[in-house]
Structure formats: structure tokens, C-alpha cells
N, C-alpha and C. Protein backbone atom coordinates (compact mmCIF):
# COMPACT_ATOMS: atom_id res chain seq x y z
N MET A 1 3.91 -16.27 -8.58
CA MET A 1 2.62 -15.33 -7.89
C MET A 1 3.87 -14.23 -7.15
N SER A 2 3.43 -13.15 -7.53
CA SER A 2 5.38 -12.22 -6.96
C SER A 2 4.67 -11.49 -5.56
N LYS A 3 6.03 -10.87 -4.71
CA LYS A 3 5.68 -10.61 -3.63
C LYS A 3 5.55 -9.45 -3.58
N LYS A 4 5.17 -8.82 -3.18
CA LYS A 4 4.98 -7.22 -2.58
C LYS A 4 6.09 -6.98 -1.79
N ARG A 5 6.40 -5.82 -3.22
CA ARG A 5 7.70 -5.26 -2.45
C ARG A 5 7.46 -3.85 -1.35
N ILE A 6 7.71 -3.71 -0.13
CA ILE A 6 7.69 -2.59 0.43
C ILE A 6 8.84 -1.43 0.28
N PHE A 7 8.16 -0.20 0.08
CA PHE A 7 9.10 0.94 -0.32
C PHE A 7 9.31 1.60 0.63
N THR A 8 10.44 2.52 1.39
CA THR A 8 10.44 3.60 2.04
C THR A 8 10.34 5.00 1.91
N GLN A 9 9.65 5.67 2.78
CA GLN A 9 8.73 7.08 2.25
C GLN A 9 9.89 7.86 1.09
N GLU A 10 11.57 7.54 2.31
CA GLU A 10 12.40 8.43 1.07
C GLU A 10 12.95 8.04 -0.11
N PHE A 11 12.84 6.98 -0.20
CA PHE A 11 12.31 6.13 -1.94
C PHE A 11 11.72 6.69 -2.84
N LYS A 12 10.42 6.38 -1.94
CA LYS A 12 9.29 7.16 -3.23
C LYS A 12 9.07 8.77 -3.26
N GLU A 13 9.68 9.18 -2.28
CA GLU A 13 9.85 10.47 -2.68
C GLU A 13 11.07 11.22 -3.38
N ASP A 14 11.93 10.38 -3.52
CA ASP A 14 13.57 10.32 -4.39
C ASP A 14 12.78 10.04 -5.73
N ALA A 15 11.95 9.04 -5.99
CA ALA A 15 11.48 8.88 -7.11
C ALA A 15 10.73 9.44 -8.05
N VAL A 16 9.75 10.33 -6.93
CA VAL A 16 9.17 10.96 -7.56
C VAL A 16 10.05 12.76 -8.25
N ARG A 17 10.72 13.18 -6.66
CA ARG A 17 11.93 13.83 -7.59
C ARG A 17 12.56 13.69 -9.01
N TYR A 18 12.95 12.46 -9.20
CA TYR A 18 13.68 12.33 -10.12
C TYR A 18 12.39 11.88 -11.73
N ARG A 19 11.51 11.87 -11.08
CA ARG A 19 10.63 11.70 -12.57
C ARG A 19 10.23 13.32 -12.56
N LYS A 20 10.43 14.50 -11.57
CA LYS A 20 9.90 15.51 -12.20
C LYS A 20 11.15 16.37 -12.54
N GLU A 21 12.72 15.69 -12.08
CA GLU A 21 14.02 16.21 -12.50
C GLU A 21 13.94 15.90 -13.66
N HIS A 22 13.25 14.45 -14.43
CA HIS A 22 13.63 13.91 -15.83
C HIS A 22 12.38 14.17 -16.81
N PRO A 23 11.68 15.52 -17.05
CA PRO A 23 10.70 15.28 -17.71
C PRO A 23 10.89 14.67 -19.10
N GLU A 24 11.95 14.71 -19.67
CA GLU A 24 12.25 14.47 -21.18
C GLU A 24 11.87 12.53 -20.79
N LEU A 25 12.20 12.17 -20.12
CA LEU A 25 12.08 10.66 -19.76
C LEU A 25 10.38 10.14 -19.85
N SER A 26 10.60 9.45 -20.39
CA SER A 26 8.32 9.03 -19.83
C SER A 26 8.67 8.05 -18.61
N LEU A 27 7.45 7.94 -18.35
CA LEU A 27 6.95 7.60 -17.10
C LEU A 27 7.63 5.87 -16.96
N GLN A 28 7.64 5.27 -18.68
CA GLN A 28 7.57 4.22 -18.39
C GLN A 28 9.12 3.67 -18.10
N LYS A 29 9.89 4.73 -18.59
CA LYS A 29 11.00 4.22 -18.69
C LYS A 29 11.87 4.72 -17.05
N VAL A 30 11.83 5.96 -16.91
CA VAL A 30 11.54 6.34 -15.61
C VAL A 30 11.32 5.31 -14.06
N ALA A 31 10.27 4.48 -14.53
CA ALA A 31 9.51 3.58 -13.48
C ALA A 31 10.80 2.38 -13.86
N SER A 32 11.09 1.97 -14.82
CA SER A 32 12.00 0.99 -15.10
C SER A 32 13.37 1.37 -14.85
N ASN A 33 14.07 2.01 -15.03
CA ASN A 33 15.16 3.13 -14.77
C ASN A 33 15.38 2.53 -12.77
N LEU A 34 14.34 2.48 -12.41
CA LEU A 34 13.86 2.97 -10.51
C LEU A 34 13.53 1.46 -10.07
N GLY A 35 13.64 0.43 -10.91
CA GLY A 35 13.06 -0.90 -10.78
C GLY A 35 11.06 -1.02 -10.54
N ILE A 36 10.75 -0.19 -10.41
CA ILE A 36 9.22 -0.57 -10.19
C ILE A 36 8.59 -0.14 -11.32
N SER A 37 6.92 -0.62 -11.05
CA SER A 37 6.06 -0.48 -11.98
C SER A 37 5.75 1.04 -12.16
N MET A 38 4.90 1.03 -13.33
CA MET A 38 4.55 2.24 -13.52
C MET A 38 3.35 2.79 -13.03
N SER A 39 2.95 2.34 -12.43
CA SER A 39 1.53 1.95 -11.70
C SER A 39 2.00 2.75 -10.41
N ALA A 40 2.83 2.10 -9.30
CA ALA A 40 3.47 2.54 -8.49
C ALA A 40 3.89 3.76 -8.70
N LEU A 41 4.57 4.09 -9.41
CA LEU A 41 5.52 5.29 -9.56
C LEU A 41 4.53 6.91 -9.84
N ARG A 42 3.36 5.86 -11.20
CA ARG A 42 2.28 7.09 -11.11
C ARG A 42 1.07 7.88 -9.88
N ARG A 43 1.00 6.39 -9.12
CA ARG A 43 0.24 6.81 -7.83
C ARG A 43 0.95 7.77 -6.21
N TRP A 44 2.31 7.20 -7.10
CA TRP A 44 3.31 7.98 -6.00
C TRP A 44 3.14 9.32 -5.82
N VAL A 45 3.22 10.02 -7.41
CA VAL A 45 3.49 10.92 -8.07
C VAL A 45 2.07 11.55 -7.76
N SER A 46 1.03 11.34 -8.21
CA SER A 46 -0.51 11.95 -7.60
C SER A 46 -0.60 11.96 -6.34
N ILE A 47 0.00 11.43 -5.46
CA ILE A 47 -0.04 11.13 -4.00
C ILE A 47 0.75 12.72 -3.36
N ALA A 48 2.39 13.15 -4.31
CA ALA A 48 2.49 13.89 -3.94
C ALA A 48 2.43 15.25 -4.74
N ASP A 49 1.42 15.47 -5.68
CA ASP A 49 1.08 16.51 -6.14
C ASP A 49 -0.07 16.93 -5.58
N LYS A 50 -0.82 16.37 -5.00
CA LYS A 50 -1.73 16.95 -3.92
C LYS A 50 -1.69 17.03 -2.78
N GLY A 51 -0.48 16.11 -1.92
CA GLY A 51 0.07 16.88 -0.71
C GLY A 51 1.17 17.81 -0.97
N ASN A 52 1.83 17.74 0.21
CA ASN A 52 2.62 18.87 0.00
C ASN A 52 4.51 18.30 -0.80
N GLY A 53 4.30 17.56 -0.94
CA GLY A 53 5.07 17.11 -1.66
C GLY A 53 5.75 15.70 -1.35
N THR A 54 5.57 15.43 -0.03
CA THR A 54 5.63 14.20 0.69
C THR A 54 4.62 13.01 0.00
N VAL A 55 5.00 11.94 0.05
CA VAL A 55 4.35 10.16 -0.12
C VAL A 55 4.73 9.62 1.04
N GLU A 56 3.10 9.27 1.53
CA GLU A 56 3.28 9.05 2.98
C GLU A 56 3.01 7.37 2.61
N THR A 57 3.67 6.58 3.87
CA THR A 57 3.77 5.07 3.48
C THR A 57 3.28 4.44 4.35
N ARG A 58 2.54 3.09 3.88
CA ARG A 58 1.94 2.43 5.07
C ARG A 58 2.74 2.12 6.41
N GLY A 59 2.12 1.59 7.19
CA GLY A 59 3.03 1.36 8.77
C GLY A 59 2.15 1.97 9.75
N SER A 60 3.07 1.83 10.75
CA SER A 60 2.33 1.99 12.43
C SER A 60 2.47 3.25 12.26
N GLY A 61 3.13 4.13 11.70
CA GLY A 61 3.89 5.96 12.28
C GLY A 61 2.29 6.37 11.51
N ASN A 62 2.07 6.06 10.19
CA ASN A 62 0.91 6.73 9.53
C ASN A 62 -0.60 6.76 9.89
N TYR A 63 -0.74 6.64 11.71
CA TYR A 63 -2.19 6.74 12.55
C TYR A 63 -2.00 8.04 12.68
N ALA A 64 -3.08 8.67 12.88
CA ALA A 64 -3.22 10.27 13.47
C ALA A 64 -3.52 9.72 14.68
N SER A 65 -3.38 8.77 15.48
CA SER A 65 -3.46 8.94 16.95
C SER A 65 -3.32 7.48 17.34
N GLU A 66 -3.33 7.18 18.75
CA GLU A 66 -3.24 5.89 19.23
C GLU A 66 -4.12 5.32 19.30
N GLU A 67 -5.63 5.68 18.97
CA GLU A 67 -6.89 5.20 19.35
C GLU A 67 -6.94 4.80 17.42
N ALA A 68 -6.67 5.56 16.99
CA ALA A 68 -6.52 5.08 15.06
C ALA A 68 -5.98 4.00 14.92
N LYS A 69 -4.35 3.79 15.94
CA LYS A 69 -4.04 2.91 15.33
C LYS A 69 -4.45 1.33 16.03
N GLU A 70 -5.32 1.79 17.57
CA GLU A 70 -6.13 0.47 17.43
C GLU A 70 -7.26 0.44 17.16
N ILE A 71 -8.10 1.06 16.80
CA ILE A 71 -9.12 0.56 15.97
C ILE A 71 -8.82 -0.33 14.51
N ALA A 72 -7.78 0.30 14.09
CA ALA A 72 -7.45 -0.76 12.59
C ALA A 72 -7.15 -1.70 12.98
N LYS A 73 -5.86 -1.85 14.36
CA LYS A 73 -6.28 -3.48 14.69
C LYS A 73 -7.25 -4.00 15.35
N LEU A 74 -8.10 -3.82 15.86
CA LEU A 74 -9.21 -4.45 15.88
C LEU A 74 -9.86 -5.02 14.99
N LYS A 75 -10.18 -3.77 13.97
CA LYS A 75 -10.86 -3.98 12.13
C LYS A 75 -10.11 -5.42 11.58
N ARG A 76 -8.89 -5.18 12.08
CA ARG A 76 -7.83 -6.31 11.01
C ARG A 76 -8.40 -7.65 11.88
N GLU A 77 -8.36 -7.72 13.11
CA GLU A 77 -8.78 -8.73 14.33
C GLU A 77 -10.11 -9.54 14.05
N LEU A 78 -11.44 -8.86 13.60
CA LEU A 78 -12.53 -8.49 13.54
C LEU A 78 -12.83 -9.07 12.48
N ARG A 79 -12.37 -8.90 11.40
CA ARG A 79 -12.20 -9.16 9.79
C ARG A 79 -11.17 -10.83 9.97
N ASP A 80 -10.69 -10.88 10.72
CA ASP A 80 -9.83 -12.39 10.39
C ASP A 80 -11.29 -13.21 11.31
N LYS A 81 -11.79 -12.95 12.55
CA LYS A 81 -12.48 -13.82 13.37
C LYS A 81 -14.21 -14.24 11.92
N GLU A 82 -14.78 -13.15 11.92
CA GLU A 82 -15.57 -13.50 10.77
C GLU A 82 -15.27 -14.88 9.29
N ASP A 83 -13.93 -14.16 9.02
CA ASP A 83 -13.09 -15.29 8.15
C ASP A 83 -12.95 -16.38 8.40
N ALA A 84 -12.62 -16.37 9.80
CA ALA A 84 -12.62 -18.10 10.56
C ALA A 84 -14.18 -18.32 10.24
N LEU A 85 -15.17 -17.99 10.77
CA LEU A 85 -16.03 -18.18 11.57
C LEU A 85 -17.22 -18.71 10.30
N GLU A 86 -16.41 -17.72 8.75
CA GLU A 86 -17.33 -18.46 7.94
C GLU A 86 -16.97 -19.69 7.15
N ILE A 87 -15.96 -20.04 7.48
CA ILE A 87 -14.98 -20.74 7.27
C ILE A 87 -15.69 -22.39 7.55
N LEU A 88 -15.50 -22.37 8.59
CA LEU A 88 -16.46 -22.86 10.15
C LEU A 88 -17.71 -23.18 9.66
N LYS A 89 -18.25 -21.92 9.06
CA LYS A 89 -19.65 -22.37 8.88
C LYS A 89 -19.85 -23.55 7.54
N LYS A 90 -18.68 -23.10 6.60
CA LYS A 90 -19.16 -24.40 5.43
C LYS A 90 -18.84 -25.68 5.68
N ALA A 91 -17.58 -25.91 6.82
CA ALA A 91 -17.43 -27.06 7.03
C ALA A 91 -18.48 -27.73 7.61
N ILE A 92 -19.16 -26.95 8.14
CA ILE A 92 -20.66 -27.54 9.01
C ILE A 92 -21.08 -28.07 8.37
N SER A 93 -21.45 -26.78 7.15
CA SER A 93 -22.62 -27.75 6.17
C SER A 93 -22.17 -28.62 5.47
N ILE A 94 -20.78 -28.40 4.93
CA ILE A 94 -20.31 -29.91 4.01
C ILE A 94 -20.29 -31.10 5.12
N LEU A 95 -19.80 -31.43 6.56
CA LEU A 95 -20.01 -32.01 7.41
C LEU A 95 -21.56 -32.87 7.41
N GLY A 96 -22.07 -31.50 7.60
CA GLY A 96 -23.31 -32.47 8.03
C GLY A 96 -24.19 -32.97 7.08
N ASN A 97 -23.71 -32.74 5.76
CA ASN A 97 -24.55 -33.69 4.55
C ASN A 97 -24.27 -35.43 4.02
């Protein structure tokens, strides 16, 4: 199982810039040179093309407001609680038989 790598916004923007500065290289070669997957590079280029040239990164700084950050946190907690409840329901049905 592979670990998910986290890339900084600066790295993503540099990767997009490198791709645009070297049109003679294939997408696969650029991704290989940078040590990233082709799909990640393709996604970053697409996001940069749609936006103003920047590639957003995940993290605490990407929320529009503190309320949005809190909502996201509460949604994660709710999802975790619902998962735990489902596990308990399954355990009770198995032990009950």
C-alpha cells in the first residue's frame, strides 16, 4: 500500500510552470522527472488553467472562513460517529444471534 504524499502549493505551482516551460517533453516524462504521478500533474495543470495560475492545496488555510473550517470539522466528526455506530450495530447483530 502506498502512502499519500503531501505536496506544498509552491511545489505544485513549480511543477505546472516546469510543464509549461518544457512543451517538448511528454506529460509522462515531466511527471517522471519530478517524481510524481502523471494524474497528479495533469490535475494540477488543469486546476492552474482554470484558475489564475495557482494550484490550491488542502489544509487548514483553504477555508473561506472560520465557519467553513468549523463546519468541515463537524462533518468529519459526524461521519466518524456514524461509522462507529454502524460498527456497533453490526457487532450487536452478530453477538445477538
